[in-house]
PDB file of N, CA and C in Angstrom:
ATOM      1  N   MET A   1     246.813 123.019   9.100  1.00  0.00           N
ATOM      2  CA  MET A   1     245.928 124.031   8.513  1.00  0.00           C
ATOM      3  C   MET A   1     244.596 124.022   9.267  1.00  0.00           C
ATOM      4  N   GLY A   2     244.269 125.085   9.998  1.00  0.00           N
ATOM      5  CA  GLY A   2     243.063 125.038  10.799  1.00  0.00           C
ATOM      6  C   GLY A   2     241.846 125.523  10.046  1.00  0.00           C
ATOM      7  N   HIS A   3     241.381 124.754   9.071  1.00  0.00           N
ATOM      8  CA  HIS A   3     240.241 125.233   8.302  1.00  0.00           C
ATOM      9  C   HIS A   3     238.925 124.742   8.879  1.00  0.00           C
ATOM     10  N   GLY A   4     238.949 124.428  10.158  1.00  0.00           N
ATOM     11  CA  GLY A   4     237.678 124.102  10.785  1.00  0.00           C
ATOM     12  C   GLY A   4     237.322 122.644  10.647  1.00  0.00           C
ATOM     13  N   MET A   5     236.906 122.085  11.738  1.00  0.00           N
ATOM     14  CA  MET A   5     236.552 120.672  11.751  1.00  0.00           C
ATOM     15  C   MET A   5     235.790 120.456  13.044  1.00  0.00           C
ATOM     16  N   ARG A   6     234.787 119.617  13.003  1.00  0.00           N
ATOM     17  CA  ARG A   6     234.065 119.320  14.234  1.00  0.00           C
ATOM     18  C   ARG A   6     234.128 117.821  14.471  1.00  0.00           C
ATOM     19  N   LYS A   7     234.258 117.446  15.733  1.00  0.00           N
ATOM     20  CA  LYS A   7     234.252 116.015  16.062  1.00  0.00           C
ATOM     21  C   LYS A   7     233.129 115.719  17.035  1.00  0.00           C
ATOM     22  N   LEU A   8     232.307 114.768  16.664  1.00  0.00           N
ATOM     23  CA  LEU A   8     231.208 114.349  17.526  1.00  0.00           C
ATOM     24  C   LEU A   8     231.477 112.930  18.001  1.00  0.00           C
ATOM     25  N   GLN A   9     231.589 112.784  19.320  1.00  0.00           N
ATOM     26  CA  GLN A   9     231.777 111.440  19.868  1.00  0.00           C
ATOM     27  C   GLN A   9     230.455 110.964  20.457  1.00  0.00           C
ATOM     28  N   PHE A  10     230.174 109.695  20.293  1.00  0.00           N
ATOM     29  CA  PHE A  10     228.947 109.141  20.861  1.00  0.00           C
ATOM     30  C   PHE A  10     229.154 107.653  21.084  1.00  0.00           C
ATOM     31  N   ILE A  11     228.196 107.034  21.721  1.00  0.00           N
ATOM     32  CA  ILE A  11     228.295 105.597  21.986  1.00  0.00           C
ATOM     33  C   ILE A  11     227.246 104.870  21.162  1.00  0.00           C
ATOM     34  N   ALA A  12     227.677 103.813  20.517  1.00  0.00           N
ATOM     35  CA  ALA A  12     226.764 102.997  19.719  1.00  0.00           C
ATOM     36  C   ALA A  12     226.380 101.762  20.521  1.00  0.00           C
ATOM     37  N   HIS A  13     225.094 101.562  20.672  1.00  0.00           N
ATOM     38  CA  HIS A  13     224.607 100.362  21.360  1.00  0.00           C
ATOM     39  C   HIS A  13     224.036  99.431  20.319  1.00  0.00           C
ATOM     40  N   HIS A  14     224.618  98.283  20.194  1.00  0.00           N
ATOM     41  CA  HIS A  14     224.101  97.348  19.203  1.00  0.00           C
ATOM     42  C   HIS A  14     223.228  96.337  19.890  1.00  0.00           C
ATOM     43  N   PRO A  15     222.254  95.860  19.181  1.00  0.00           N
ATOM     44  CA  PRO A  15     221.419  94.799  19.723  1.00  0.00           C
ATOM     45  C   PRO A  15     222.288  93.621  20.182  1.00  0.00           C
ATOM     46  N   LYS A  16     223.354  93.345  19.415  1.00  0.00           N
ATOM     47  CA  LYS A  16     224.221  92.215  19.776  1.00  0.00           C
ATOM     48  C   LYS A  16     225.597  92.749  20.147  1.00  0.00           C
ATOM     49  N   ASN A  17     225.683  93.397  21.290  1.00  0.00           N
ATOM     50  CA  ASN A  17     226.930  94.090  21.595  1.00  0.00           C
ATOM     51  C   ASN A  17     227.954  93.219  22.305  1.00  0.00           C
ATOM     52  N   HIS A  18     227.692  91.909  22.448  1.00  0.00           N
ATOM     53  CA  HIS A  18     228.678  91.090  23.154  1.00  0.00           C
ATOM     54  C   HIS A  18     229.842  90.686  22.253  1.00  0.00           C
ATOM     55  N   ASP A  19     229.677  90.869  20.951  1.00  0.00           N
ATOM     56  CA  ASP A  19     230.803  90.592  20.058  1.00  0.00           C
ATOM     57  C   ASP A  19     231.636  91.852  19.912  1.00  0.00           C
ATOM     58  N   ALA A  20     232.698  91.966  20.694  1.00  0.00           N
ATOM     59  CA  ALA A  20     233.490  93.199  20.675  1.00  0.00           C
ATOM     60  C   ALA A  20     234.670  93.093  19.714  1.00  0.00           C
ATOM     61  N   SER A  21     234.556  92.229  18.754  1.00  0.00           N
ATOM     62  CA  SER A  21     235.652  92.055  17.798  1.00  0.00           C
ATOM     63  C   SER A  21     235.738  93.233  16.841  1.00  0.00           C
ATOM     64  N   GLY A  22     236.747  93.240  16.009  1.00  0.00           N
ATOM     65  CA  GLY A  22     236.906  94.284  15.012  1.00  0.00           C
ATOM     66  C   GLY A  22     235.712  94.323  14.084  1.00  0.00           C
ATOM     67  N   ASN A  23     235.118  93.176  13.880  1.00  0.00           N
ATOM     68  CA  ASN A  23     233.966  93.080  12.999  1.00  0.00           C
ATOM     69  C   ASN A  23     232.797  93.909  13.528  1.00  0.00           C
ATOM     70  N   GLN A  24     232.648  93.904  14.835  1.00  0.00           N
ATOM     71  CA  GLN A  24     231.581  94.665  15.479  1.00  0.00           C
ATOM     72  C   GLN A  24     231.758  96.152  15.219  1.00  0.00           C
ATOM     73  N   SER A  25     232.991  96.615  15.388  1.00  0.00           N
ATOM     74  CA  SER A  25     233.272  98.026  15.191  1.00  0.00           C
ATOM     75  C   SER A  25     233.047  98.388  13.729  1.00  0.00           C
ATOM     76  N   ARG A  26     233.379  97.456  12.860  1.00  0.00           N
ATOM     77  CA  ARG A  26     233.150  97.624  11.431  1.00  0.00           C
ATOM     78  C   ARG A  26     231.662  97.820  11.137  1.00  0.00           C
ATOM     79  N   MET A  27     230.856  96.961  11.743  1.00  0.00           N
ATOM     80  CA  MET A  27     229.415  97.032  11.522  1.00  0.00           C
ATOM     81  C   MET A  27     228.854  98.355  12.033  1.00  0.00           C
ATOM     82  N   ALA A  28     229.372  98.806  13.160  1.00  0.00           N
ATOM     83  CA  ALA A  28     228.912 100.075  13.727  1.00  0.00           C
ATOM     84  C   ALA A  28     229.206 101.216  12.760  1.00  0.00           C
ATOM     85  N   GLN A  29     230.432 101.229  12.236  1.00  0.00           N
ATOM     86  CA  GLN A  29     230.815 102.292  11.307  1.00  0.00           C
ATOM     87  C   GLN A  29     229.963 102.256  10.042  1.00  0.00           C
ATOM     88  N   GLU A  30     229.758 101.056   9.528  1.00  0.00           N
ATOM     89  CA  GLU A  30     228.945 100.904   8.313  1.00  0.00           C
ATOM     90  C   GLU A  30     227.513 101.375   8.572  1.00  0.00           C
ATOM     91  N   TYR A  31     227.012 101.041   9.744  1.00  0.00           N
ATOM     92  CA  TYR A  31     225.642 101.405  10.100  1.00  0.00           C
ATOM     93  C   TYR A  31     225.504 102.927  10.150  1.00  0.00           C
ATOM     94  N   VAL A  32     226.468 103.567  10.815  1.00  0.00           N
ATOM     95  CA  VAL A  32     226.456 105.027  10.920  1.00  0.00           C
ATOM     96  C   VAL A  32     226.547 105.663   9.532  1.00  0.00           C
ATOM     97  N   ALA A  33     227.467 105.151   8.718  1.00  0.00           N
ATOM     98  CA  ALA A  33     227.656 105.714   7.380  1.00  0.00           C
ATOM     99  C   ALA A  33     226.386 105.578   6.542  1.00  0.00           C
ATOM    100  N   ALA A  34     225.764 104.405   6.608  1.00  0.00           N
ATOM    101  CA  ALA A  34     224.546 104.172   5.829  1.00  0.00           C
ATOM    102  C   ALA A  34     223.418 105.088   6.314  1.00  0.00           C
ATOM    103  N   LEU A  35     223.332 105.245   7.626  1.00  0.00           N
ATOM    104  CA  LEU A  35     222.310 106.118   8.203  1.00  0.00           C
ATOM    105  C   LEU A  35     222.503 107.558   7.730  1.00  0.00           C
ATOM    106  N   LEU A  36     223.744 108.045   7.818  1.00  0.00           N
ATOM    107  CA  LEU A  36     224.022 109.420   7.404  1.00  0.00           C
ATOM    108  C   LEU A  36     223.783 109.594   5.917  1.00  0.00           C
ATOM    109  N   PHE A  37     224.215 108.598   5.155  1.00  0.00           N
ATOM    110  CA  PHE A  37     224.050 108.645   3.706  1.00  0.00           C
ATOM    111  C   PHE A  37     222.576 108.896   3.371  1.00  0.00           C
ATOM    112  N   LYS A  38     221.716 108.201   4.095  1.00  0.00           N
ATOM    113  CA  LYS A  38     220.281 108.306   3.851  1.00  0.00           C
ATOM    114  C   LYS A  38     219.692 109.599   4.427  1.00  0.00           C
ATOM    115  N   GLN A  39     220.079 109.939   5.648  1.00  0.00           N
ATOM    116  CA  GLN A  39     219.416 111.034   6.370  1.00  0.00           C
ATOM    117  C   GLN A  39     219.870 112.433   5.967  1.00  0.00           C
ATOM    118  N   LEU A  40     221.133 112.584   5.599  1.00  0.00           N
ATOM    119  CA  LEU A  40     221.663 113.934   5.409  1.00  0.00           C
ATOM    120  C   LEU A  40     220.964 114.697   4.295  1.00  0.00           C
ATOM    121  N   SER A  41     220.398 113.964   3.344  1.00  0.00           N
ATOM    122  CA  SER A  41     219.690 114.644   2.254  1.00  0.00           C
ATOM    123  C   SER A  41     218.479 115.419   2.791  1.00  0.00           C
ATOM    124  N   ASP A  42     217.932 114.969   3.922  1.00  0.00           N
ATOM    125  CA  ASP A  42     216.823 115.711   4.537  1.00  0.00           C
ATOM    126  C   ASP A  42     217.252 117.111   4.949  1.00  0.00           C
ATOM    127  N   TYR A  43     218.544 117.292   5.148  1.00  0.00           N
ATOM    128  CA  TYR A  43     219.065 118.582   5.594  1.00  0.00           C
ATOM    129  C   TYR A  43     219.730 119.340   4.442  1.00  0.00           C
ATOM    130  N   GLY A  44     219.561 118.831   3.235  1.00  0.00           N
ATOM    131  CA  GLY A  44     220.116 119.529   2.083  1.00  0.00           C
ATOM    132  C   GLY A  44     221.534 119.129   1.729  1.00  0.00           C
ATOM    133  N   PHE A  45     222.049 118.093   2.381  1.00  0.00           N
ATOM    134  CA  PHE A  45     223.393 117.609   2.046  1.00  0.00           C
ATOM    135  C   PHE A  45     223.268 116.296   1.291  1.00  0.00           C
ATOM    136  N   ASP A  46     223.633 116.301   0.033  1.00  0.00           N
ATOM    137  CA  ASP A  46     223.517 115.072  -0.752  1.00  0.00           C
ATOM    138  C   ASP A  46     224.788 114.239  -0.646  1.00  0.00           C
ATOM    139  N   ALA A  47     224.674 113.121   0.032  1.00  0.00           N
ATOM    140  CA  ALA A  47     225.828 112.233   0.150  1.00  0.00           C
ATOM    141  C   ALA A  47     226.077 111.601  -1.216  1.00  0.00           C
ATOM    142  N   GLU A  48     227.325 111.663  -1.648  1.00  0.00           N
ATOM    143  CA  GLU A  48     227.661 111.201  -2.986  1.00  0.00           C
ATOM    144  C   GLU A  48     228.111 109.750  -2.962  1.00  0.00           C
ATOM    145  N   TYR A  49     229.016 109.429  -2.062  1.00  0.00           N
ATOM    146  CA  TYR A  49     229.461 108.045  -1.961  1.00  0.00           C
ATOM    147  C   TYR A  49     230.030 107.774  -0.577  1.00  0.00           C
ATOM    148  N   ILE A  50     230.172 106.512  -0.275  1.00  0.00           N
ATOM    149  CA  ILE A  50     230.786 106.094   0.986  1.00  0.00           C
ATOM    150  C   ILE A  50     232.106 105.422   0.652  1.00  0.00           C
ATOM    151  N   ASP A  51     233.154 105.890   1.289  1.00  0.00           N
ATOM    152  CA  ASP A  51     234.483 105.369   1.036  1.00  0.00           C
ATOM    153  C   ASP A  51     234.923 104.540   2.243  1.00  0.00           C
ATOM    154  N   HIS A  52     235.362 103.316   2.001  1.00  0.00           N
ATOM    155  CA  HIS A  52     235.720 102.422   3.106  1.00  0.00           C
ATOM    156  C   HIS A  52     237.227 102.215   3.136  1.00  0.00           C
ATOM    157  N   THR A  53     237.823 102.438   4.305  1.00  0.00           N
ATOM    158  CA  THR A  53     239.210 102.027   4.483  1.00  0.00           C
ATOM    159  C   THR A  53     239.237 101.087   5.682  1.00  0.00           C
ATOM    160  N   ASP A  54     240.415 100.612   6.029  1.00  0.00           N
ATOM    161  CA  ASP A  54     240.528  99.658   7.139  1.00  0.00           C
ATOM    162  C   ASP A  54     239.973 100.208   8.442  1.00  0.00           C
ATOM    163  N   LYS A  55     240.324 101.447   8.719  1.00  0.00           N
ATOM    164  CA  LYS A  55     240.056 101.988  10.044  1.00  0.00           C
ATOM    165  C   LYS A  55     238.810 102.861  10.112  1.00  0.00           C
ATOM    166  N   GLN A  56     238.312 103.288   8.964  1.00  0.00           N
ATOM    167  CA  GLN A  56     237.220 104.250   9.021  1.00  0.00           C
ATOM    168  C   GLN A  56     236.333 104.194   7.791  1.00  0.00           C
ATOM    169  N   VAL A  57     235.225 104.894   7.905  1.00  0.00           N
ATOM    170  CA  VAL A  57     234.273 104.990   6.804  1.00  0.00           C
ATOM    171  C   VAL A  57     234.038 106.474   6.564  1.00  0.00           C
ATOM    172  N   GLU A  58     234.065 106.880   5.310  1.00  0.00           N
ATOM    173  CA  GLU A  58     233.919 108.301   5.006  1.00  0.00           C
ATOM    174  C   GLU A  58     232.734 108.527   4.070  1.00  0.00           C
ATOM    175  N   VAL A  59     231.871 109.453   4.466  1.00  0.00           N
ATOM    176  CA  VAL A  59     230.733 109.817   3.619  1.00  0.00           C
ATOM    177  C   VAL A  59     231.049 111.162   2.968  1.00  0.00           C
ATOM    178  N   SER A  60     231.041 111.203   1.647  1.00  0.00           N
ATOM    179  CA  SER A  60     231.343 112.444   0.938  1.00  0.00           C
ATOM    180  C   SER A  60     230.065 113.155   0.518  1.00  0.00           C
ATOM    181  N   ILE A  61     230.075 114.464   0.683  1.00  0.00           N
ATOM    182  CA  ILE A  61     228.917 115.282   0.334  1.00  0.00           C
ATOM    183  C   ILE A  61     229.219 116.044  -0.947  1.00  0.00           C
ATOM    184  N   ALA A  62     228.302 115.961  -1.904  1.00  0.00           N
ATOM    185  CA  ALA A  62     228.610 116.470  -3.236  1.00  0.00           C
ATOM    186  C   ALA A  62     228.072 117.857  -3.555  1.00  0.00           C
ATOM    187  N   ASN A  63     226.864 118.179  -3.102  1.00  0.00           N
ATOM    188  CA  ASN A  63     226.146 119.296  -3.712  1.00  0.00           C
ATOM    189  C   ASN A  63     226.441 120.643  -3.062  1.00  0.00           C
ATOM    190  N   GLN A  64     227.617 120.802  -2.474  1.00  0.00           N
ATOM    191  CA  GLN A  64     227.943 122.037  -1.775  1.00  0.00           C
ATOM    192  C   GLN A  64     229.086 122.746  -2.489  1.00  0.00           C
ATOM    193  N   PRO A  65     229.251 124.064  -2.199  1.00  0.00           N
ATOM    194  CA  PRO A  65     230.346 124.802  -2.837  1.00  0.00           C
ATOM    195  C   PRO A  65     231.722 124.242  -2.474  1.00  0.00           C
ATOM    196  N   LEU A  66     231.795 123.518  -1.357  1.00  0.00           N
ATOM    197  CA  LEU A  66     233.067 122.914  -0.945  1.00  0.00           C
ATOM    198  C   LEU A  66     232.869 121.425  -0.779  1.00  0.00           C
ATOM    199  N   PRO A  67     233.920 120.651  -1.070  1.00  0.00           N
ATOM    200  CA  PRO A  67     233.824 119.216  -0.778  1.00  0.00           C
ATOM    201  C   PRO A  67     233.805 119.014   0.739  1.00  0.00           C
ATOM    202  N   LEU A  68     232.756 118.390   1.228  1.00  0.00           N
ATOM    203  CA  LEU A  68     232.629 118.125   2.659  1.00  0.00           C
ATOM    204  C   LEU A  68     232.649 116.630   2.879  1.00  0.00           C
ATOM    205  N   CYS A  69     233.084 116.214   4.050  1.00  0.00           N
ATOM    206  CA  CYS A  69     232.975 114.796   4.337  1.00  0.00           C
ATOM    207  C   CYS A  69     232.776 114.553   5.822  1.00  0.00           C
ATOM    208  N   VAL A  70     232.189 113.407   6.105  1.00  0.00           N
ATOM    209  CA  VAL A  70     232.011 112.953   7.477  1.00  0.00           C
ATOM    210  C   VAL A  70     232.760 111.637   7.583  1.00  0.00           C
ATOM    211  N   THR A  71     233.748 111.591   8.452  1.00  0.00           N
ATOM    212  CA  THR A  71     234.548 110.391   8.635  1.00  0.00           C
ATOM    213  C   THR A  71     234.195 109.765   9.974  1.00  0.00           C
ATOM    214  N   CYS A  72     233.868 108.483   9.968  1.00  0.00           N
ATOM    215  CA  CYS A  72     233.493 107.815  11.214  1.00  0.00           C
ATOM    216  C   CYS A  72     234.497 106.725  11.547  1.00  0.00           C
ATOM    217  N   GLN A  73     234.945 106.723  12.773  1.00  0.00           N
ATOM    218  CA  GLN A  73     235.832 105.648  13.205  1.00  0.00           C
ATOM    219  C   GLN A  73     235.545 105.296  14.651  1.00  0.00           C
ATOM    220  N   GLN A  74     236.041 104.148  15.053  1.00  0.00           N
ATOM    221  CA  GLN A  74     235.820 103.678  16.418  1.00  0.00           C
ATOM    222  C   GLN A  74     237.166 103.570  17.111  1.00  0.00           C
ATOM    223  N   PRO A  75     237.465 104.527  18.002  1.00  0.00           N
ATOM    224  CA  PRO A  75     238.799 104.587  18.597  1.00  0.00           C
ATOM    225  C   PRO A  75     239.052 103.571  19.701  1.00  0.00           C
ATOM    226  N   ASP A  76     237.998 102.993  20.272  1.00  0.00           N
ATOM    227  CA  ASP A  76     238.234 102.055  21.376  1.00  0.00           C
ATOM    228  C   ASP A  76     237.197 100.943  21.353  1.00  0.00           C
ATOM    229  N   GLN A  77     237.316 100.037  22.295  1.00  0.00           N
ATOM    230  CA  GLN A  77     236.401  98.895  22.351  1.00  0.00           C
ATOM    231  C   GLN A  77     235.190  99.176  23.241  1.00  0.00           C
ATOM    232  N   GLU A  78     235.101 100.404  23.742  1.00  0.00           N
ATOM    233  CA  GLU A  78     234.021 100.725  24.676  1.00  0.00           C
ATOM    234  C   GLU A  78     232.723 101.049  23.959  1.00  0.00           C
ATOM    235  N   GLY A  79     232.744 100.979  22.643  1.00  0.00           N
ATOM    236  CA  GLY A  79     231.534 101.317  21.905  1.00  0.00           C
ATOM    237  C   GLY A  79     231.487 102.763  21.452  1.00  0.00           C
ATOM    238  N   HIS A  80     232.543 103.526  21.798  1.00  0.00           N
ATOM    239  CA  HIS A  80     232.576 104.907  21.328  1.00  0.00           C
ATOM    240  C   HIS A  80     232.759 104.955  19.821  1.00  0.00           C
ATOM    241  N   LEU A  81     232.116 105.906  19.205  1.00  0.00           N
ATOM    242  CA  LEU A  81     232.374 106.204  17.803  1.00  0.00           C
ATOM    243  C   LEU A  81     232.645 107.693  17.710  1.00  0.00           C
ATOM    244  N   VAL A  82     233.468 108.065  16.759  1.00  0.00           N
ATOM    245  CA  VAL A  82     233.730 109.475  16.532  1.00  0.00           C
ATOM    246  C   VAL A  82     233.446 109.785  15.073  1.00  0.00           C
ATOM    247  N   CYS A  83     232.625 110.796  14.844  1.00  0.00           N
ATOM    248  CA  CYS A  83     232.409 111.280  13.486  1.00  0.00           C
ATOM    249  C   CYS A  83     233.073 112.641  13.364  1.00  0.00           C
ATOM    250  N   GLU A  84     233.915 112.763  12.378  1.00  0.00           N
ATOM    251  CA  GLU A  84     234.637 114.007  12.172  1.00  0.00           C
ATOM    252  C   GLU A  84     234.055 114.688  10.941  1.00  0.00           C
ATOM    253  N   ILE A  85     233.630 115.920  11.119  1.00  0.00           N
ATOM    254  CA  ILE A  85     233.034 116.664  10.014  1.00  0.00           C
ATOM    255  C   ILE A  85     234.062 117.665   9.528  1.00  0.00           C
ATOM    256  N   SER A  86     234.419 117.582   8.263  1.00  0.00           N
ATOM    257  CA  SER A  86     235.448 118.492   7.778  1.00  0.00           C
ATOM    258  C   SER A  86     235.196 118.888   6.331  1.00  0.00           C
ATOM    259  N   ALA A  87     235.861 119.980   5.935  1.00  0.00           N
ATOM    260  CA  ALA A  87     235.807 120.427   4.547  1.00  0.00           C
ATOM    261  C   ALA A  87     237.195 120.235   3.967  1.00  0.00           C
ATOM    262  N   HIS A  88     237.248 120.091   2.665  1.00  0.00           N
ATOM    263  CA  HIS A  88     238.552 119.999   2.012  1.00  0.00           C
ATOM    264  C   HIS A  88     238.743 121.218   1.124  1.00  0.00           C
ATOM    265  N   PRO A  89     238.995 122.370   1.738  1.00  0.00           N
ATOM    266  CA  PRO A  89     239.149 123.556   0.913  1.00  0.00           C
ATOM    267  C   PRO A  89     240.500 123.534   0.224  1.00  0.00           C
ATOM    268  N   ASP A  90     240.603 124.193  -0.911  1.00  0.00           N
ATOM    269  CA  ASP A  90     241.935 124.265  -1.501  1.00  0.00           C
ATOM    270  C   ASP A  90     242.702 125.375  -0.802  1.00  0.00           C
ATOM    271  N   GLU A  91     244.001 125.332  -0.928  1.00  0.00           N
ATOM    272  CA  GLU A  91     244.855 126.231  -0.158  1.00  0.00           C
ATOM    273  C   GLU A  91     244.692 127.691  -0.580  1.00  0.00           C
ATOM    274  N   ASN A  92     244.165 127.914  -1.775  1.00  0.00           N
ATOM    275  CA  ASN A  92     244.112 129.279  -2.296  1.00  0.00           C
ATOM    276  C   ASN A  92     242.826 130.004  -1.944  1.00  0.00           C
ATOM    277  N   GLN A  93     242.110 129.499  -0.994  1.00  0.00           N
ATOM    278  CA  GLN A  93     240.840 130.131  -0.669  1.00  0.00           C
ATOM    279  C   GLN A  93     241.021 131.504  -0.071  1.00  0.00           C
ATOM    280  N   ASP A  94     240.110 132.397  -0.411  1.00  0.00           N
ATOM    281  CA  ASP A  94     240.145 133.686   0.266  1.00  0.00           C
ATOM    282  C   ASP A  94     239.357 133.586   1.571  1.00  0.00           C
ATOM    283  N   TRP A  95     239.401 134.659   2.348  1.00  0.00           N
ATOM    284  CA  TRP A  95     238.798 134.595   3.686  1.00  0.00           C
ATOM    285  C   TRP A  95     237.302 134.353   3.612  1.00  0.00           C
ATOM    286  N   PHE A  96     236.661 134.874   2.560  1.00  0.00           N
ATOM    287  CA  PHE A  96     235.219 134.690   2.442  1.00  0.00           C
ATOM    288  C   PHE A  96     234.874 133.207   2.325  1.00  0.00           C
ATOM    289  N   GLU A  97     235.627 132.506   1.503  1.00  0.00           N
ATOM    290  CA  GLU A  97     235.375 131.070   1.331  1.00  0.00           C
ATOM    291  C   GLU A  97     235.662 130.313   2.619  1.00  0.00           C
ATOM    292  N   LYS A  98     236.666 130.778   3.359  1.00  0.00           N
ATOM    293  CA  LYS A  98     236.983 130.114   4.626  1.00  0.00           C
ATOM    294  C   LYS A  98     235.833 130.271   5.617  1.00  0.00           C
ATOM    295  N   ILE A  99     235.261 131.471   5.651  1.00  0.00           N
ATOM    296  CA  ILE A  99     234.122 131.700   6.542  1.00  0.00           C
ATOM    297  C   ILE A  99     232.946 130.836   6.102  1.00  0.00           C
ATOM    298  N   ASN A 100     232.763 130.763   4.808  1.00  0.00           N
ATOM    299  CA  ASN A 100     231.715 129.932   4.240  1.00  0.00           C
ATOM    300  C   ASN A 100     231.919 128.468   4.652  1.00  0.00           C
ATOM    301  N   ALA A 101     233.161 128.038   4.627  1.00  0.00           N
ATOM    302  CA  ALA A 101     233.491 126.658   5.005  1.00  0.00           C
ATOM    303  C   ALA A 101     233.094 126.400   6.456  1.00  0.00           C
ATOM    304  N   GLN A 102     233.434 127.339   7.341  1.00  0.00           N
ATOM    305  CA  GLN A 102     233.087 127.183   8.759  1.00  0.00           C
ATOM    306  C   GLN A 102     231.578 127.032   8.924  1.00  0.00           C
ATOM    307  N   SER A 103     230.860 127.864   8.192  1.00  0.00           N
ATOM    308  CA  SER A 103     229.410 127.861   8.296  1.00  0.00           C
ATOM    309  C   SER A 103     228.825 126.544   7.782  1.00  0.00           C
ATOM    310  N   LEU A 104     229.367 126.062   6.672  1.00  0.00           N
ATOM    311  CA  LEU A 104     228.903 124.785   6.117  1.00  0.00           C
ATOM    312  C   LEU A 104     229.198 123.639   7.072  1.00  0.00           C
ATOM    313  N   ILE A 105     230.377 123.673   7.678  1.00  0.00           N
ATOM    314  CA  ILE A 105     230.754 122.617   8.621  1.00  0.00           C
ATOM    315  C   ILE A 105     229.790 122.625   9.808  1.00  0.00           C
ATOM    316  N   ARG A 106     229.458 123.833  10.277  1.00  0.00           N
ATOM    317  CA  ARG A 106     228.484 123.933  11.379  1.00  0.00           C
ATOM    318  C   ARG A 106     227.139 123.331  10.992  1.00  0.00           C
ATOM    319  N   GLN A 107     226.669 123.668   9.789  1.00  0.00           N
ATOM    320  CA  GLN A 107     225.374 123.143   9.335  1.00  0.00           C
ATOM    321  C   GLN A 107     225.410 121.627   9.190  1.00  0.00           C
ATOM    322  N   LEU A 108     226.501 121.140   8.611  1.00  0.00           N
ATOM    323  CA  LEU A 108     226.623 119.693   8.418  1.00  0.00           C
ATOM    324  C   LEU A 108     226.727 118.998   9.773  1.00  0.00           C
ATOM    325  N   ALA A 109     227.467 119.619  10.702  1.00  0.00           N
ATOM    326  CA  ALA A 109     227.608 119.052  12.046  1.00  0.00           C
ATOM    327  C   ALA A 109     226.233 118.918  12.703  1.00  0.00           C
ATOM    328  N   HIS A 110     225.414 119.945  12.543  1.00  0.00           N
ATOM    329  CA  HIS A 110     224.063 119.913  13.109  1.00  0.00           C
ATOM    330  C   HIS A 110     223.239 118.795  12.462  1.00  0.00           C
ATOM    331  N   ALA A 111     223.379 118.658  11.153  1.00  0.00           N
ATOM    332  CA  ALA A 111     222.631 117.624  10.426  1.00  0.00           C
ATOM    333  C   ALA A 111     223.056 116.228  10.878  1.00  0.00           C
ATOM    334  N   VAL A 112     224.363 116.047  11.069  1.00  0.00           N
ATOM    335  CA  VAL A 112     224.887 114.749  11.522  1.00  0.00           C
ATOM    336  C   VAL A 112     224.351 114.433  12.915  1.00  0.00           C
ATOM    337  N   GLU A 113     224.438 115.422  13.802  1.00  0.00           N
ATOM    338  CA  GLU A 113     223.980 115.205  15.176  1.00  0.00           C
ATOM    339  C   GLU A 113     222.483 114.874  15.204  1.00  0.00           C
ATOM    340  N   SER A 114     221.690 115.639  14.463  1.00  0.00           N
ATOM    341  CA  SER A 114     220.240 115.401  14.444  1.00  0.00           C
ATOM    342  C   SER A 114     219.909 114.029  13.872  1.00  0.00           C
ATOM    343  N   SER A 115     220.614 113.655  12.806  1.00  0.00           N
ATOM    344  CA  SER A 115     220.373 112.348  12.177  1.00  0.00           C
ATOM    345  C   SER A 115     220.664 111.222  13.158  1.00  0.00           C
ATOM    346  N   LEU A 116     221.794 111.322  13.858  1.00  0.00           N
ATOM    347  CA  LEU A 116     222.196 110.256  14.773  1.00  0.00           C
ATOM    348  C   LEU A 116     221.301 110.214  16.011  1.00  0.00           C
ATOM    349  N   LYS A 117     220.896 111.392  16.488  1.00  0.00           N
ATOM    350  CA  LYS A 117     220.063 111.431  17.691  1.00  0.00           C
ATOM    351  C   LYS A 117     218.687 110.841  17.440  1.00  0.00           C
ATOM    352  N   ALA A 118     218.272 110.824  16.182  1.00  0.00           N
ATOM    353  CA  ALA A 118     216.962 110.268  15.851  1.00  0.00           C
ATOM    354  C   ALA A 118     216.982 108.740  15.926  1.00  0.00           C
ATOM    355  N   ASP A 119     218.173 108.167  16.030  1.00  0.00           N
ATOM    356  CA  ASP A 119     218.309 106.713  16.073  1.00  0.00           C
ATOM    357  C   ASP A 119     218.603 106.280  17.505  1.00  0.00           C
ATOM    358  N   HIS A 120     217.786 105.387  18.039  1.00  0.00           N
ATOM    359  CA  HIS A 120     217.907 105.043  19.458  1.00  0.00           C
ATOM    360  C   HIS A 120     219.140 104.199  19.785  1.00  0.00           C
ATOM    361  N   HIS A 121     219.893 103.783  18.766  1.00  0.00           N
ATOM    362  CA  HIS A 121     221.106 103.006  19.046  1.00  0.00           C
ATOM    363  C   HIS A 121     222.264 103.875  19.542  1.00  0.00           C
ATOM    364  N   PHE A 122     222.105 105.186  19.448  1.00  0.00           N
ATOM    365  CA  PHE A 122     223.231 106.064  19.785  1.00  0.00           C
ATOM    366  C   PHE A 122     222.901 106.956  20.973  1.00  0.00           C
ATOM    367  N   THR A 123     223.852 107.077  21.891  1.00  0.00           N
ATOM    368  CA  THR A 123     223.657 107.932  23.064  1.00  0.00           C
ATOM    369  C   THR A 123     224.961 108.639  23.423  1.00  0.00           C
ATOM    370  N   HIS A 124     224.897 109.454  24.478  1.00  0.00           N
ATOM    371  CA  HIS A 124     226.087 110.114  25.032  1.00  0.00           C
ATOM    372  C   HIS A 124     226.820 110.955  23.990  1.00  0.00           C
ATOM    373  N   PHE A 125     226.091 111.852  23.363  1.00  0.00           N
ATOM    374  CA  PHE A 125     226.707 112.709  22.347  1.00  0.00           C
ATOM    375  C   PHE A 125     227.557 113.787  22.999  1.00  0.00           C
ATOM    376  N   GLU A 126     228.708 114.009  22.433  1.00  0.00           N
ATOM    377  CA  GLU A 126     229.602 115.013  22.985  1.00  0.00           C
ATOM    378  C   GLU A 126     230.489 115.560  21.873  1.00  0.00           C
ATOM    379  N   TRP A 127     230.473 116.880  21.710  1.00  0.00           N
ATOM    380  CA  TRP A 127     231.384 117.498  20.736  1.00  0.00           C
ATOM    381  C   TRP A 127     232.752 117.614  21.377  1.00  0.00           C
ATOM    382  N   THR A 128     233.758 117.121  20.700  1.00  0.00           N
ATOM    383  CA  THR A 128     235.109 117.174  21.255  1.00  0.00           C
ATOM    384  C   THR A 128     235.968 118.049  20.361  1.00  0.00           C
ATOM    385  N   LYS A 129     237.061 118.486  20.905  1.00  0.00           N
ATOM    386  CA  LYS A 129     237.963 119.336  20.115  1.00  0.00           C
ATOM    387  C   LYS A 129     238.870 118.472  19.275  1.00  0.00           C
TER     388      LYS A 129
END
């Protein structure tokens, strides 16, 4: 279902980046999630909660007409992180709501990028398909 999704890849530089264990990647994801949780409200997106699974961290946004979320994971050991911005529309949406979803995803994507760019630990931002 192509209801729109944006992926932002970037590199996280940690002060202590010599520990390339799974724990390191975990800390990076937690750091990103906590940062977004705090910063996104500046852009009008109220983060409701952070959901942790083995492989990723998900920040849910509450105060919008659609449930939005930002999922962060670390696909490799090179320090790359990927944040995926997506909406969870229900299947019965009409075209107007779908357009609205695209627009919200764009706004949230901009908010995520701006929040992360304000932090000097992150570089090499690239939107991927």
